[in-house]
Amino acid sequence: HLYLGDATQHLPFSTHSIDVIYISFTLEIFTSQEIPLVLSECMRVLKNGGRIGVMAMAKREEESDVVKLYEWIYCKLPYFMSSSCRPIFVSKVLEDAGFDVTQVIYLSGFGLPVDVVVAEKRAGK
């Protein structure tokens, strides 16, 4: 089945009905204000002990020159960007949303850092 929904509003699934959610190169497209809304909806629909996997362009404490250039272009020349994604602190946004991060894999794509983060919904959330 294919479902259409707005993760910043309300996903078309019952509360505690999903075992696993996978988000690939999508979370970083949402604004900083929307990310907590999206993750709150993910938390709502996940079963207790359910897992979320997020692959995203990552922001790290120590930024490379490639990331600095990418962010400069993103801010100063947005019409040159093919998408509106920008690096985010992947583990932090998941932890801030109440998830327990269980695994982080650090990768790189075209010189930009990419994190693959797996997190679990705590029982009772």
PDB file of N, CA and C in Angstrom:
ATOM      1  N   HIS A   1       0.827  -1.176   0.000  1.00  0.00           N
ATOM      2  CA  HIS A   1       0.000   0.000   0.000  1.00  0.00           C
ATOM      3  C   HIS A   1       0.874   1.243   0.000  1.00  0.00           C
ATOM      4  N   LEU A   2       0.392   2.279  -0.606  1.00  0.00           N
ATOM      5  CA  LEU A   2       1.064   3.567  -0.612  1.00  0.00           C
ATOM      6  C   LEU A   2       0.207   4.553   0.162  1.00  0.00           C
ATOM      7  N   TYR A   3       0.816   5.220   1.128  1.00  0.00           N
ATOM      8  CA  TYR A   3       0.096   6.183   1.955  1.00  0.00           C
ATOM      9  C   TYR A   3       0.705   7.561   1.752  1.00  0.00           C
ATOM     10  N   LEU A   4      -0.130   8.548   1.752  1.00  0.00           N
ATOM     11  CA  LEU A   4       0.320   9.931   1.631  1.00  0.00           C
ATOM     12  C   LEU A   4       0.015  10.643   2.937  1.00  0.00           C
ATOM     13  N   GLY A   5       1.000  11.315   3.472  1.00  0.00           N
ATOM     14  CA  GLY A   5       0.788  12.035   4.723  1.00  0.00           C
ATOM     15  C   GLY A   5       1.800  13.141   4.883  1.00  0.00           C
ATOM     16  N   ASP A   6       1.563  13.975   5.850  1.00  0.00           N
ATOM     17  CA  ASP A   6       2.457  15.079   6.176  1.00  0.00           C
ATOM     18  C   ASP A   6       3.032  14.802   7.561  1.00  0.00           C
ATOM     19  N   ALA A   7       4.298  14.443   7.602  1.00  0.00           N
ATOM     20  CA  ALA A   7       4.926  14.057   8.861  1.00  0.00           C
ATOM     21  C   ALA A   7       5.039  15.213   9.851  1.00  0.00           C
ATOM     22  N   THR A   8       4.869  16.442   9.388  1.00  0.00           N
ATOM     23  CA  THR A   8       4.891  17.568  10.327  1.00  0.00           C
ATOM     24  C   THR A   8       3.527  17.774  10.966  1.00  0.00           C
ATOM     25  N   GLN A   9       2.507  17.099  10.456  1.00  0.00           N
ATOM     26  CA  GLN A   9       1.139  17.253  10.953  1.00  0.00           C
ATOM     27  C   GLN A   9       0.648  15.976  11.624  1.00  0.00           C
ATOM     28  N   HIS A  10       0.382  14.961  10.793  1.00  0.00           N
ATOM     29  CA  HIS A  10      -0.170  13.712  11.309  1.00  0.00           C
ATOM     30  C   HIS A  10       0.021  12.627  10.263  1.00  0.00           C
ATOM     31  N   LEU A  11       0.782  11.608  10.629  1.00  0.00           N
ATOM     32  CA  LEU A  11       0.953  10.470   9.724  1.00  0.00           C
ATOM     33  C   LEU A  11      -0.305   9.611   9.748  1.00  0.00           C
ATOM     34  N   PRO A  12      -0.667   9.021   8.617  1.00  0.00           N
ATOM     35  CA  PRO A  12      -1.926   8.259   8.532  1.00  0.00           C
ATOM     36  C   PRO A  12      -1.816   6.844   9.113  1.00  0.00           C
ATOM     37  N   PHE A  13      -1.256   6.742  10.316  1.00  0.00           N
ATOM     38  CA  PHE A  13      -1.110   5.457  10.986  1.00  0.00           C
ATOM     39  C   PHE A  13      -1.554   5.590  12.434  1.00  0.00           C
ATOM     40  N   SER A  14      -2.028   4.499  12.990  1.00  0.00           N
ATOM     41  CA  SER A  14      -2.455   4.488  14.388  1.00  0.00           C
ATOM     42  C   SER A  14      -1.252   4.616  15.317  1.00  0.00           C
ATOM     43  N   THR A  15      -1.495   5.102  16.501  1.00  0.00           N
ATOM     44  CA  THR A  15      -0.470   5.201  17.536  1.00  0.00           C
ATOM     45  C   THR A  15       0.042   3.801  17.877  1.00  0.00           C
ATOM     46  N   HIS A  16       1.344   3.666  18.048  1.00  0.00           N
ATOM     47  CA  HIS A  16       2.006   2.400  18.412  1.00  0.00           C
ATOM     48  C   HIS A  16       1.700   1.281  17.411  1.00  0.00           C
ATOM     49  N   SER A  17       1.744   1.583  16.110  1.00  0.00           N
ATOM     50  CA  SER A  17       1.374   0.583  15.106  1.00  0.00           C
ATOM     51  C   SER A  17       2.519   0.164  14.178  1.00  0.00           C
ATOM     52  N   ILE A  18       3.666   0.806  14.262  1.00  0.00           N
ATOM     53  CA  ILE A  18       4.772   0.575  13.332  1.00  0.00           C
ATOM     54  C   ILE A  18       5.975   0.012  14.091  1.00  0.00           C
ATOM     55  N   ASP A  19       6.627  -1.000  13.500  1.00  0.00           N
ATOM     56  CA  ASP A  19       7.813  -1.601  14.118  1.00  0.00           C
ATOM     57  C   ASP A  19       9.101  -0.845  13.794  1.00  0.00           C
ATOM     58  N   VAL A  20       9.235  -0.418  12.535  1.00  0.00           N
ATOM     59  CA  VAL A  20      10.480   0.198  12.072  1.00  0.00           C
ATOM     60  C   VAL A  20      10.163   1.352  11.120  1.00  0.00           C
ATOM     61  N   ILE A  21      10.921   2.426  11.260  1.00  0.00           N
ATOM     62  CA  ILE A  21      10.844   3.564  10.330  1.00  0.00           C
ATOM     63  C   ILE A  21      12.248   3.787   9.786  1.00  0.00           C
ATOM     64  N   TYR A  22      12.338   3.998   8.479  1.00  0.00           N
ATOM     65  CA  TYR A  22      13.625   4.277   7.842  1.00  0.00           C
ATOM     66  C   TYR A  22      13.489   5.589   7.073  1.00  0.00           C
ATOM     67  N   ILE A  23      14.384   6.519   7.353  1.00  0.00           N
ATOM     68  CA  ILE A  23      14.386   7.833   6.704  1.00  0.00           C
ATOM     69  C   ILE A  23      15.756   8.037   6.075  1.00  0.00           C
ATOM     70  N   SER A  24      15.813   8.168   4.762  1.00  0.00           N
ATOM     71  CA  SER A  24      17.083   8.295   4.064  1.00  0.00           C
ATOM     72  C   SER A  24      17.161   9.620   3.311  1.00  0.00           C
ATOM     73  N   PHE A  25      18.105  10.451   3.706  1.00  0.00           N
ATOM     74  CA  PHE A  25      18.360  11.752   3.080  1.00  0.00           C
ATOM     75  C   PHE A  25      17.075  12.566   2.926  1.00  0.00           C
ATOM     76  N   THR A  26      16.284  12.578   3.975  1.00  0.00           N
ATOM     77  CA  THR A  26      15.029  13.322   3.976  1.00  0.00           C
ATOM     78  C   THR A  26      14.929  14.248   5.181  1.00  0.00           C
ATOM     79  N   LEU A  27      15.359  13.786   6.347  1.00  0.00           N
ATOM     80  CA  LEU A  27      15.193  14.563   7.571  1.00  0.00           C
ATOM     81  C   LEU A  27      15.869  15.930   7.459  1.00  0.00           C
ATOM     82  N   GLU A  28      17.014  15.978   6.795  1.00  0.00           N
ATOM     83  CA  GLU A  28      17.761  17.239   6.696  1.00  0.00           C
ATOM     84  C   GLU A  28      17.134  18.231   5.712  1.00  0.00           C
ATOM     85  N   ILE A  29      16.085  17.807   5.017  1.00  0.00           N
ATOM     86  CA  ILE A  29      15.362  18.729   4.131  1.00  0.00           C
ATOM     87  C   ILE A  29      14.361  19.574   4.911  1.00  0.00           C
ATOM     88  N   PHE A  30      13.876  19.034   6.026  1.00  0.00           N
ATOM     89  CA  PHE A  30      12.935  19.782   6.865  1.00  0.00           C
ATOM     90  C   PHE A  30      13.661  20.919   7.562  1.00  0.00           C
ATOM     91  N   THR A  31      12.924  21.963   7.910  1.00  0.00           N
ATOM     92  CA  THR A  31      13.520  23.084   8.645  1.00  0.00           C
ATOM     93  C   THR A  31      13.856  22.628  10.066  1.00  0.00           C
ATOM     94  N   SER A  32      14.669  23.420  10.745  1.00  0.00           N
ATOM     95  CA  SER A  32      15.029  23.106  12.128  1.00  0.00           C
ATOM     96  C   SER A  32      13.800  23.052  13.030  1.00  0.00           C
ATOM     97  N   GLN A  33      12.779  23.835  12.707  1.00  0.00           N
ATOM     98  CA  GLN A  33      11.542  23.839  13.490  1.00  0.00           C
ATOM     99  C   GLN A  33      10.672  22.618  13.171  1.00  0.00           C
ATOM    100  N   GLU A  34      10.782  22.091  11.963  1.00  0.00           N
ATOM    101  CA  GLU A  34       9.955  20.954  11.560  1.00  0.00           C
ATOM    102  C   GLU A  34      10.523  19.600  12.007  1.00  0.00           C
ATOM    103  N   ILE A  35      11.835  19.502  12.147  1.00  0.00           N
ATOM    104  CA  ILE A  35      12.448  18.220  12.501  1.00  0.00           C
ATOM    105  C   ILE A  35      11.857  17.644  13.793  1.00  0.00           C
ATOM    106  N   PRO A  36      11.718  18.422  14.870  1.00  0.00           N
ATOM    107  CA  PRO A  36      11.100  17.856  16.078  1.00  0.00           C
ATOM    108  C   PRO A  36       9.659  17.396  15.848  1.00  0.00           C
ATOM    109  N   LEU A  37       8.912  18.074  14.988  1.00  0.00           N
ATOM    110  CA  LEU A  37       7.541  17.662  14.683  1.00  0.00           C
ATOM    111  C   LEU A  37       7.527  16.321  13.965  1.00  0.00           C
ATOM    112  N   VAL A  38       8.418  16.161  12.998  1.00  0.00           N
ATOM    113  CA  VAL A  38       8.515  14.907  12.248  1.00  0.00           C
ATOM    114  C   VAL A  38       8.883  13.763  13.189  1.00  0.00           C
ATOM    115  N   LEU A  39       9.878  13.988  14.027  1.00  0.00           N
ATOM    116  CA  LEU A  39      10.322  12.928  14.934  1.00  0.00           C
ATOM    117  C   LEU A  39       9.277  12.628  16.012  1.00  0.00           C
ATOM    118  N   SER A  40       8.503  13.611  16.396  1.00  0.00           N
ATOM    119  CA  SER A  40       7.401  13.387  17.333  1.00  0.00           C
ATOM    120  C   SER A  40       6.345  12.473  16.716  1.00  0.00           C
ATOM    121  N   GLU A  41       6.063  12.670  15.442  1.00  0.00           N
ATOM    122  CA  GLU A  41       5.105  11.799  14.740  1.00  0.00           C
ATOM    123  C   GLU A  41       5.668  10.393  14.604  1.00  0.00           C
ATOM    124  N   CYS A  42       6.965  10.287  14.339  1.00  0.00           N
ATOM    125  CA  CYS A  42       7.599   8.972  14.278  1.00  0.00           C
ATOM    126  C   CYS A  42       7.493   8.283  15.631  1.00  0.00           C
ATOM    127  N   MET A  43       7.738   9.021  16.696  1.00  0.00           N
ATOM    128  CA  MET A  43       7.631   8.476  18.051  1.00  0.00           C
ATOM    129  C   MET A  43       6.204   7.998  18.318  1.00  0.00           C
ATOM    130  N   ARG A  44       5.224   8.761  17.879  1.00  0.00           N
ATOM    131  CA  ARG A  44       3.812   8.417  18.111  1.00  0.00           C
ATOM    132  C   ARG A  44       3.440   7.100  17.444  1.00  0.00           C
ATOM    133  N   VAL A  45       3.843   6.904  16.199  1.00  0.00           N
ATOM    134  CA  VAL A  45       3.400   5.723  15.460  1.00  0.00           C
ATOM    135  C   VAL A  45       4.241   4.477  15.754  1.00  0.00           C
ATOM    136  N   LEU A  46       5.459   4.652  16.282  1.00  0.00           N
ATOM    137  CA  LEU A  46       6.298   3.495  16.596  1.00  0.00           C
ATOM    138  C   LEU A  46       5.774   2.746  17.814  1.00  0.00           C
ATOM    139  N   LYS A  47       5.864   1.427  17.742  1.00  0.00           N
ATOM    140  CA  LYS A  47       5.548   0.594  18.896  1.00  0.00           C
ATOM    141  C   LYS A  47       6.640   0.786  19.948  1.00  0.00           C
ATOM    142  N   ASN A  48       6.334   0.500  21.213  1.00  0.00           N
ATOM    143  CA  ASN A  48       7.366   0.518  22.250  1.00  0.00           C
ATOM    144  C   ASN A  48       8.467  -0.451  21.849  1.00  0.00           C
ATOM    145  N   GLY A  49       9.698  -0.010  21.907  1.00  0.00           N
ATOM    146  CA  GLY A  49      10.828  -0.814  21.473  1.00  0.00           C
ATOM    147  C   GLY A  49      11.055  -0.773  19.972  1.00  0.00           C
ATOM    148  N   GLY A  50      10.192  -0.045  19.237  1.00  0.00           N
ATOM    149  CA  GLY A  50      10.360   0.101  17.795  1.00  0.00           C
ATOM    150  C   GLY A  50      11.629   0.877  17.481  1.00  0.00           C
ATOM    151  N   ARG A  51      12.107   0.714  16.262  1.00  0.00           N
ATOM    152  CA  ARG A  51      13.364   1.365  15.888  1.00  0.00           C
ATOM    153  C   ARG A  51      13.178   2.322  14.717  1.00  0.00           C
ATOM    154  N   ILE A  52      14.030   3.323  14.715  1.00  0.00           N
ATOM    155  CA  ILE A  52      14.083   4.280  13.618  1.00  0.00           C
ATOM    156  C   ILE A  52      15.511   4.299  13.092  1.00  0.00           C
ATOM    157  N   GLY A  53      15.643   4.262  11.779  1.00  0.00           N
ATOM    158  CA  GLY A  53      16.945   4.366  11.139  1.00  0.00           C
ATOM    159  C   GLY A  53      16.969   5.618  10.286  1.00  0.00           C
ATOM    160  N   VAL A  54      17.978   6.436  10.494  1.00  0.00           N
ATOM    161  CA  VAL A  54      18.089   7.692   9.744  1.00  0.00           C
ATOM    162  C   VAL A  54      19.461   7.756   9.091  1.00  0.00           C
ATOM    163  N   MET A  55      19.464   7.983   7.778  1.00  0.00           N
ATOM    164  CA  MET A  55      20.697   8.261   7.042  1.00  0.00           C
ATOM    165  C   MET A  55      20.582   9.703   6.578  1.00  0.00           C
ATOM    166  N   ALA A  56      21.566  10.520   6.953  1.00  0.00           N
ATOM    167  CA  ALA A  56      21.456  11.943   6.636  1.00  0.00           C
ATOM    168  C   ALA A  56      22.833  12.580   6.503  1.00  0.00           C
ATOM    169  N   MET A  57      22.847  13.679   5.767  1.00  0.00           N
ATOM    170  CA  MET A  57      24.055  14.492   5.696  1.00  0.00           C
ATOM    171  C   MET A  57      24.307  15.022   7.108  1.00  0.00           C
ATOM    172  N   ALA A  58      25.511  14.801   7.595  1.00  0.00           N
ATOM    173  CA  ALA A  58      25.781  15.045   9.005  1.00  0.00           C
ATOM    174  C   ALA A  58      26.612  16.293   9.255  1.00  0.00           C
ATOM    175  N   LYS A  59      26.256  16.949  10.331  1.00  0.00           N
ATOM    176  CA  LYS A  59      27.051  18.052  10.841  1.00  0.00           C
ATOM    177  C   LYS A  59      27.873  17.471  11.992  1.00  0.00           C
ATOM    178  N   ARG A  60      29.134  17.813  12.011  1.00  0.00           N
ATOM    179  CA  ARG A  60      30.015  17.301  13.057  1.00  0.00           C
ATOM    180  C   ARG A  60      30.635  18.481  13.798  1.00  0.00           C
ATOM    181  N   GLU A  61      31.144  18.200  14.974  1.00  0.00           N
ATOM    182  CA  GLU A  61      31.756  19.263  15.786  1.00  0.00           C
ATOM    183  C   GLU A  61      32.895  19.943  15.027  1.00  0.00           C
ATOM    184  N   GLU A  62      33.714  19.138  14.368  1.00  0.00           N
ATOM    185  CA  GLU A  62      34.815  19.674  13.580  1.00  0.00           C
ATOM    186  C   GLU A  62      34.435  19.578  12.109  1.00  0.00           C
ATOM    187  N   GLU A  63      34.178  20.722  11.490  1.00  0.00           N
ATOM    188  CA  GLU A  63      33.714  20.720  10.102  1.00  0.00           C
ATOM    189  C   GLU A  63      34.879  20.740   9.124  1.00  0.00           C
ATOM    190  N   SER A  64      34.715  19.996   8.052  1.00  0.00           N
ATOM    191  CA  SER A  64      35.717  19.992   6.990  1.00  0.00           C
ATOM    192  C   SER A  64      35.518  21.222   6.107  1.00  0.00           C
ATOM    193  N   ASP A  65      36.513  21.501   5.292  1.00  0.00           N
ATOM    194  CA  ASP A  65      36.405  22.620   4.360  1.00  0.00           C
ATOM    195  C   ASP A  65      35.279  22.391   3.349  1.00  0.00           C
ATOM    196  N   VAL A  66      35.041  21.130   2.991  1.00  0.00           N
ATOM    197  CA  VAL A  66      33.967  20.811   2.040  1.00  0.00           C
ATOM    198  C   VAL A  66      32.612  21.177   2.644  1.00  0.00           C
ATOM    199  N   VAL A  67      32.390  20.865   3.923  1.00  0.00           N
ATOM    200  CA  VAL A  67      31.131  21.202   4.599  1.00  0.00           C
ATOM    201  C   VAL A  67      30.987  22.714   4.722  1.00  0.00           C
ATOM    202  N   LYS A  68      32.064  23.387   5.078  1.00  0.00           N
ATOM    203  CA  LYS A  68      32.013  24.856   5.183  1.00  0.00           C
ATOM    204  C   LYS A  68      31.625  25.475   3.845  1.00  0.00           C
ATOM    205  N   LEU A  69      32.209  24.987   2.749  1.00  0.00           N
ATOM    206  CA  LEU A  69      31.876  25.491   1.419  1.00  0.00           C
ATOM    207  C   LEU A  69      30.417  25.182   1.083  1.00  0.00           C
ATOM    208  N   TYR A  70      29.978  23.961   1.364  1.00  0.00           N
ATOM    209  CA  TYR A  70      28.595  23.560   1.091  1.00  0.00           C
ATOM    210  C   TYR A  70      27.620  24.467   1.842  1.00  0.00           C
ATOM    211  N   GLU A  71      27.872  24.691   3.129  1.00  0.00           N
ATOM    212  CA  GLU A  71      26.977  25.539   3.927  1.00  0.00           C
ATOM    213  C   GLU A  71      27.012  26.994   3.465  1.00  0.00           C
ATOM    214  N   TRP A  72      28.175  27.471   3.027  1.00  0.00           N
ATOM    215  CA  TRP A  72      28.259  28.832   2.519  1.00  0.00           C
ATOM    216  C   TRP A  72      27.396  28.975   1.261  1.00  0.00           C
ATOM    217  N   ILE A  73      27.521  28.015   0.338  1.00  0.00           N
ATOM    218  CA  ILE A  73      26.705  28.038  -0.886  1.00  0.00           C
ATOM    219  C   ILE A  73      25.228  27.930  -0.535  1.00  0.00           C
ATOM    220  N   TYR A  74      24.897  27.051   0.418  1.00  0.00           N
ATOM    221  CA  TYR A  74      23.501  26.862   0.848  1.00  0.00           C
ATOM    222  C   TYR A  74      22.904  28.180   1.343  1.00  0.00           C
ATOM    223  N   CYS A  75      23.692  28.947   2.103  1.00  0.00           N
ATOM    224  CA  CYS A  75      23.194  30.206   2.672  1.00  0.00           C
ATOM    225  C   CYS A  75      23.239  31.372   1.682  1.00  0.00           C
ATOM    226  N   LYS A  76      24.323  31.483   0.947  1.00  0.00           N
ATOM    227  CA  LYS A  76      24.543  32.660   0.105  1.00  0.00           C
ATOM    228  C   LYS A  76      24.020  32.521  -1.322  1.00  0.00           C
ATOM    229  N   LEU A  77      24.033  31.291  -1.850  1.00  0.00           N
ATOM    230  CA  LEU A  77      23.638  31.059  -3.245  1.00  0.00           C
ATOM    231  C   LEU A  77      22.684  29.870  -3.333  1.00  0.00           C
ATOM    232  N   PRO A  78      21.542  29.933  -2.668  1.00  0.00           N
ATOM    233  CA  PRO A  78      20.656  28.761  -2.595  1.00  0.00           C
ATOM    234  C   PRO A  78      20.157  28.272  -3.958  1.00  0.00           C
ATOM    235  N   TYR A  79      20.124  29.146  -4.955  1.00  0.00           N
ATOM    236  CA  TYR A  79      19.642  28.739  -6.274  1.00  0.00           C
ATOM    237  C   TYR A  79      20.607  27.784  -6.968  1.00  0.00           C
ATOM    238  N   PHE A  80      21.842  27.645  -6.443  1.00  0.00           N
ATOM    239  CA  PHE A  80      22.791  26.685  -6.991  1.00  0.00           C
ATOM    240  C   PHE A  80      22.616  25.291  -6.399  1.00  0.00           C
ATOM    241  N   MET A  81      21.821  25.196  -5.338  1.00  0.00           N
ATOM    242  CA  MET A  81      21.632  23.914  -4.660  1.00  0.00           C
ATOM    243  C   MET A  81      20.520  23.131  -5.347  1.00  0.00           C
ATOM    244  N   SER A  82      20.777  21.848  -5.580  1.00  0.00           N
ATOM    245  CA  SER A  82      19.766  21.011  -6.231  1.00  0.00           C
ATOM    246  C   SER A  82      18.682  20.579  -5.250  1.00  0.00           C
ATOM    247  N   SER A  83      18.948  20.705  -3.966  1.00  0.00           N
ATOM    248  CA  SER A  83      17.943  20.383  -2.958  1.00  0.00           C
ATOM    249  C   SER A  83      18.126  21.348  -1.796  1.00  0.00           C
ATOM    250  N   SER A  84      17.224  21.278  -0.873  1.00  0.00           N
ATOM    251  CA  SER A  84      17.319  22.197   0.257  1.00  0.00           C
ATOM    252  C   SER A  84      17.943  21.523   1.474  1.00  0.00           C
ATOM    253  N   CYS A  85      18.623  20.400   1.278  1.00  0.00           N
ATOM    254  CA  CYS A  85      19.193  19.717   2.442  1.00  0.00           C
ATOM    255  C   CYS A  85      20.471  20.408   2.898  1.00  0.00           C
ATOM    256  N   ARG A  86      20.712  20.276   4.188  1.00  0.00           N
ATOM    257  CA  ARG A  86      21.934  20.809   4.780  1.00  0.00           C
ATOM    258  C   ARG A  86      22.330  19.872   5.906  1.00  0.00           C
ATOM    259  N   PRO A  87      23.588  19.883   6.319  1.00  0.00           N
ATOM    260  CA  PRO A  87      24.037  18.978   7.376  1.00  0.00           C
ATOM    261  C   PRO A  87      23.301  19.240   8.693  1.00  0.00           C
ATOM    262  N   ILE A  88      22.987  18.158   9.409  1.00  0.00           N
ATOM    263  CA  ILE A  88      22.345  18.251  10.719  1.00  0.00           C
ATOM    264  C   ILE A  88      23.087  17.341  11.700  1.00  0.00           C
ATOM    265  N   PHE A  89      22.919  17.593  12.996  1.00  0.00           N
ATOM    266  CA  PHE A  89      23.450  16.721  14.036  1.00  0.00           C
ATOM    267  C   PHE A  89      22.455  15.575  14.204  1.00  0.00           C
ATOM    268  N   VAL A  90      22.663  14.481  13.475  1.00  0.00           N
ATOM    269  CA  VAL A  90      21.680  13.400  13.368  1.00  0.00           C
ATOM    270  C   VAL A  90      21.389  12.761  14.722  1.00  0.00           C
ATOM    271  N   SER A  91      22.416  12.324  15.425  1.00  0.00           N
ATOM    272  CA  SER A  91      22.201  11.672  16.728  1.00  0.00           C
ATOM    273  C   SER A  91      21.519  12.615  17.707  1.00  0.00           C
ATOM    274  N   LYS A  92      21.939  13.859  17.713  1.00  0.00           N
ATOM    275  CA  LYS A  92      21.387  14.835  18.661  1.00  0.00           C
ATOM    276  C   LYS A  92      19.893  15.072  18.432  1.00  0.00           C
ATOM    277  N   VAL A  93      19.477  15.225  17.179  1.00  0.00           N
ATOM    278  CA  VAL A  93      18.045  15.481  16.952  1.00  0.00           C
ATOM    279  C   VAL A  93      17.210  14.276  17.368  1.00  0.00           C
ATOM    280  N   LEU A  94      17.753  13.063  17.197  1.00  0.00           N
ATOM    281  CA  LEU A  94      17.034  11.866  17.635  1.00  0.00           C
ATOM    282  C   LEU A  94      16.981  11.794  19.162  1.00  0.00           C
ATOM    283  N   GLU A  95      18.091  12.074  19.821  1.00  0.00           N
ATOM    284  CA  GLU A  95      18.109  12.072  21.286  1.00  0.00           C
ATOM    285  C   GLU A  95      17.204  13.155  21.853  1.00  0.00           C
ATOM    286  N   ASP A  96      17.228  14.336  21.244  1.00  0.00           N
ATOM    287  CA  ASP A  96      16.353  15.430  21.690  1.00  0.00           C
ATOM    288  C   ASP A  96      14.878  15.065  21.574  1.00  0.00           C
ATOM    289  N   ALA A  97      14.560  14.187  20.617  1.00  0.00           N
ATOM    290  CA  ALA A  97      13.171  13.758  20.408  1.00  0.00           C
ATOM    291  C   ALA A  97      12.788  12.614  21.353  1.00  0.00           C
ATOM    292  N   GLY A  98      13.741  12.139  22.161  1.00  0.00           N
ATOM    293  CA  GLY A  98      13.434  11.097  23.129  1.00  0.00           C
ATOM    294  C   GLY A  98      13.826   9.695  22.727  1.00  0.00           C
ATOM    295  N   PHE A  99      14.528   9.544  21.620  1.00  0.00           N
ATOM    296  CA  PHE A  99      14.982   8.229  21.178  1.00  0.00           C
ATOM    297  C   PHE A  99      16.303   7.874  21.853  1.00  0.00           C
ATOM    298  N   ASP A 100      16.542   6.578  22.026  1.00  0.00           N
ATOM    299  CA  ASP A 100      17.824   6.081  22.522  1.00  0.00           C
ATOM    300  C   ASP A 100      18.651   5.635  21.326  1.00  0.00           C
ATOM    301  N   VAL A 101      19.742   6.317  21.051  1.00  0.00           N
ATOM    302  CA  VAL A 101      20.620   5.961  19.931  1.00  0.00           C
ATOM    303  C   VAL A 101      21.366   4.686  20.292  1.00  0.00           C
ATOM    304  N   THR A 102      21.282   3.682  19.419  1.00  0.00           N
ATOM    305  CA  THR A 102      21.915   2.389  19.681  1.00  0.00           C
ATOM    306  C   THR A 102      23.096   2.105  18.757  1.00  0.00           C
ATOM    307  N   GLN A 103      23.144   2.782  17.616  1.00  0.00           N
ATOM    308  CA  GLN A 103      24.243   2.528  16.677  1.00  0.00           C
ATOM    309  C   GLN A 103      24.433   3.745  15.778  1.00  0.00           C
ATOM    310  N   VAL A 104      25.689   4.085  15.537  1.00  0.00           N
ATOM    311  CA  VAL A 104      26.028   5.166  14.618  1.00  0.00           C
ATOM    312  C   VAL A 104      27.134   4.667  13.693  1.00  0.00           C
ATOM    313  N   ILE A 105      26.935   4.844  12.407  1.00  0.00           N
ATOM    314  CA  ILE A 105      27.953   4.519  11.411  1.00  0.00           C
ATOM    315  C   ILE A 105      28.305   5.820  10.692  1.00  0.00           C
ATOM    316  N   TYR A 106      29.579   6.140  10.659  1.00  0.00           N
ATOM    317  CA  TYR A 106      30.056   7.359  10.027  1.00  0.00           C
ATOM    318  C   TYR A 106      30.533   7.032   8.620  1.00  0.00           C
ATOM    319  N   LEU A 107      29.953   7.708   7.636  1.00  0.00           N
ATOM    320  CA  LEU A 107      30.308   7.512   6.236  1.00  0.00           C
ATOM    321  C   LEU A 107      30.644   8.860   5.612  1.00  0.00           C
ATOM    322  N   SER A 108      30.946   8.830   4.328  1.00  0.00           N
ATOM    323  CA  SER A 108      31.209  10.046   3.579  1.00  0.00           C
ATOM    324  C   SER A 108      30.687   9.864   2.164  1.00  0.00           C
ATOM    325  N   GLY A 109      30.091  10.911   1.637  1.00  0.00           N
ATOM    326  CA  GLY A 109      29.619  10.891   0.260  1.00  0.00           C
ATOM    327  C   GLY A 109      30.001  12.182  -0.437  1.00  0.00           C
ATOM    328  N   PHE A 110      30.806  12.083  -1.481  1.00  0.00           N
ATOM    329  CA  PHE A 110      31.277  13.258  -2.224  1.00  0.00           C
ATOM    330  C   PHE A 110      31.990  14.244  -1.310  1.00  0.00           C
ATOM    331  N   GLY A 111      32.696  13.724  -0.316  1.00  0.00           N
ATOM    332  CA  GLY A 111      33.438  14.571   0.610  1.00  0.00           C
ATOM    333  C   GLY A 111      32.613  15.131   1.743  1.00  0.00           C
ATOM    334  N   LEU A 112      31.315  14.845   1.751  1.00  0.00           N
ATOM    335  CA  LEU A 112      30.436  15.337   2.812  1.00  0.00           C
ATOM    336  C   LEU A 112      30.158  14.212   3.807  1.00  0.00           C
ATOM    337  N   PRO A 113      30.155  14.527   5.106  1.00  0.00           N
ATOM    338  CA  PRO A 113      29.900  13.490   6.094  1.00  0.00           C
ATOM    339  C   PRO A 113      28.444  13.027   6.069  1.00  0.00           C
ATOM    340  N   VAL A 114      28.268  11.729   6.225  1.00  0.00           N
ATOM    341  CA  VAL A 114      26.941  11.114   6.270  1.00  0.00           C
ATOM    342  C   VAL A 114      26.906  10.213   7.498  1.00  0.00           C
ATOM    343  N   ASP A 115      25.858  10.334   8.301  1.00  0.00           N
ATOM    344  CA  ASP A 115      25.681   9.457   9.453  1.00  0.00           C
ATOM    345  C   ASP A 115      24.519   8.521   9.201  1.00  0.00           C
ATOM    346  N   VAL A 116      24.685   7.274   9.590  1.00  0.00           N
ATOM    347  CA  VAL A 116      23.602   6.301   9.624  1.00  0.00           C
ATOM    348  C   VAL A 116      23.378   6.028  11.109  1.00  0.00           C
ATOM    349  N   VAL A 117      22.205   6.391  11.598  1.00  0.00           N
ATOM    350  CA  VAL A 117      21.922   6.284  13.029  1.00  0.00           C
ATOM    351  C   VAL A 117      20.700   5.402  13.239  1.00  0.00           C
ATOM    352  N   VAL A 118      20.844   4.444  14.128  1.00  0.00           N
ATOM    353  CA  VAL A 118      19.721   3.597  14.528  1.00  0.00           C
ATOM    354  C   VAL A 118      19.396   3.954  15.980  1.00  0.00           C
ATOM    355  N   ALA A 119      18.104   4.143  16.243  1.00  0.00           N
ATOM    356  CA  ALA A 119      17.669   4.504  17.589  1.00  0.00           C
ATOM    357  C   ALA A 119      16.403   3.729  17.922  1.00  0.00           C
ATOM    358  N   GLU A 120      16.139   3.614  19.219  1.00  0.00           N
ATOM    359  CA  GLU A 120      14.982   2.885  19.706  1.00  0.00           C
ATOM    360  C   GLU A 120      14.035   3.803  20.463  1.00  0.00           C
ATOM    361  N   LYS A 121      12.764   3.473  20.362  1.00  0.00           N
ATOM    362  CA  LYS A 121      11.751   4.170  21.150  1.00  0.00           C
ATOM    363  C   LYS A 121      11.740   3.540  22.545  1.00  0.00           C
ATOM    364  N   ARG A 122      11.902   4.374  23.540  1.00  0.00           N
ATOM    365  CA  ARG A 122      11.847   3.889  24.913  1.00  0.00           C
ATOM    366  C   ARG A 122      10.440   3.429  25.249  1.00  0.00           C
ATOM    367  N   ALA A 123      10.332   2.400  26.051  1.00  0.00           N
ATOM    368  CA  ALA A 123       9.019   1.935  26.502  1.00  0.00           C
ATOM    369  C   ALA A 123       8.328   3.065  27.268  1.00  0.00           C
ATOM    370  N   GLY A 124       7.062   3.225  27.019  1.00  0.00           N
ATOM    371  CA  GLY A 124       6.281   4.243  27.717  1.00  0.00           C
ATOM    372  C   GLY A 124       6.251   5.590  27.057  1.00  0.00           C
ATOM    373  N   LYS A 125       6.911   5.748  25.937  1.00  0.00           N
ATOM    374  CA  LYS A 125       6.906   7.050  25.224  1.00  0.00           C
ATOM    375  C   LYS A 125       5.726   7.139  24.281  1.00  0.00           C
TER     376      LYS A 125
END
